[in-house]
Protein backbone atom coordinates (compact mmCIF):
# COMPACT_ATOMS: atom_id res chain seq x y z
CA MET A 1 6.18 -7.16 10.70
CA THR A 2 8.79 -8.14 8.17
CA GLU A 3 12.17 -6.45 8.54
CA CYS A 4 13.45 -4.25 5.73
CA ASN A 5 16.04 -5.81 3.48
CA LEU A 6 18.37 -2.79 3.46
CA GLU A 7 20.86 -4.30 1.04
CA LYS A 8 18.19 -5.07 -1.56
CA ASN A 9 16.40 -1.75 -1.01
CA MET A 10 19.63 0.18 -1.56
CA GLU A 11 19.84 -1.28 -5.07
CA PHE A 12 17.04 1.05 -6.18
CA CYS A 13 17.28 3.88 -3.65
CA ASN A 14 18.38 6.95 -5.61
CA CYS A 15 18.18 9.41 -2.70
CA THR A 16 21.12 11.82 -2.89
CA TYR A 17 20.40 13.54 0.43
CA GLU A 18 23.49 12.41 2.33
CA PRO A 19 22.48 12.92 5.95
CA CYS A 20 19.26 10.91 5.37
CA SER A 21 18.79 8.27 8.06
CA ARG A 22 15.98 6.57 6.12
CA LYS A 23 17.94 5.34 3.07
CA GLY A 24 16.91 1.79 2.33
CA LYS A 25 14.21 1.91 5.01
CA CYS A 26 11.28 2.29 2.63
CA CYS A 27 8.56 2.14 5.29
CA GLU A 28 10.13 5.01 7.23
CA CYS A 29 10.88 6.99 4.07
CA ILE A 30 7.32 6.79 2.73
CA VAL A 31 5.79 7.86 6.05
CA TYR A 32 8.29 10.72 6.40
CA HIS A 33 7.58 12.13 2.94
CA LYS A 34 3.84 11.53 3.18
CA ASN A 35 3.76 13.68 6.31
CA LEU A 36 5.47 16.46 4.31
CA ASN A 37 3.06 16.01 1.36
CA GLU A 38 5.97 14.81 -0.75
CA MET A 39 6.97 11.73 -2.71
CA PRO A 40 10.11 9.67 -1.93
CA ALA A 41 13.18 10.08 -4.14
CA CYS A 42 12.65 6.72 -5.85
CA PHE A 43 9.46 8.07 -7.47
CA PHE A 44 11.53 10.55 -9.52
CA PRO A 45 14.09 10.27 -12.31
CA ASP A 46 17.61 11.02 -11.07
CA SER A 47 17.70 14.42 -12.79
CA ILE A 48 14.65 15.61 -10.84
CA GLU A 49 15.57 13.88 -7.58
CA LYS A 50 18.78 15.91 -7.43
CA THR A 51 16.73 19.13 -7.22
CA TYR A 52 15.14 17.91 -3.95
CA ASP A 53 11.75 19.07 -5.27
CA ARG A 54 9.77 16.03 -4.21
CA SER A 55 6.38 17.67 -4.30
CA VAL A 56 3.33 15.81 -5.51
CA GLU A 57 2.84 18.55 -8.10
CA THR A 58 6.30 17.97 -9.57
CA PHE A 59 5.69 14.21 -9.62
CA ILE A 60 2.45 14.68 -11.56
CA LYS A 61 4.08 17.14 -13.98
CA ILE A 62 7.03 14.82 -14.71
CA TYR A 63 4.77 11.79 -14.97
CA ARG A 64 2.55 13.56 -17.52
CA GLU A 65 5.51 14.90 -19.53
CA ASN A 66 7.07 11.45 -19.76
CA GLY A 67 3.86 9.54 -20.37
CA GLY A 68 4.52 7.52 -17.25
CA PHE A 69 7.81 6.03 -16.16
């Protein structure tokens, strides 16, 4: 398996949850949020990410309201 490029991944990681141990580790982040029926922070605009509401329902709502990202 290819190793994560943490430096490059951090360029687009907008997660504001400070104690998160998965920042920049996209594979771990996706699995973690999938198990919680959530979407990772990078799927949301910054204004929504800061609310920590990472539900699939919120993602769909925001996506529809913005006509995609």
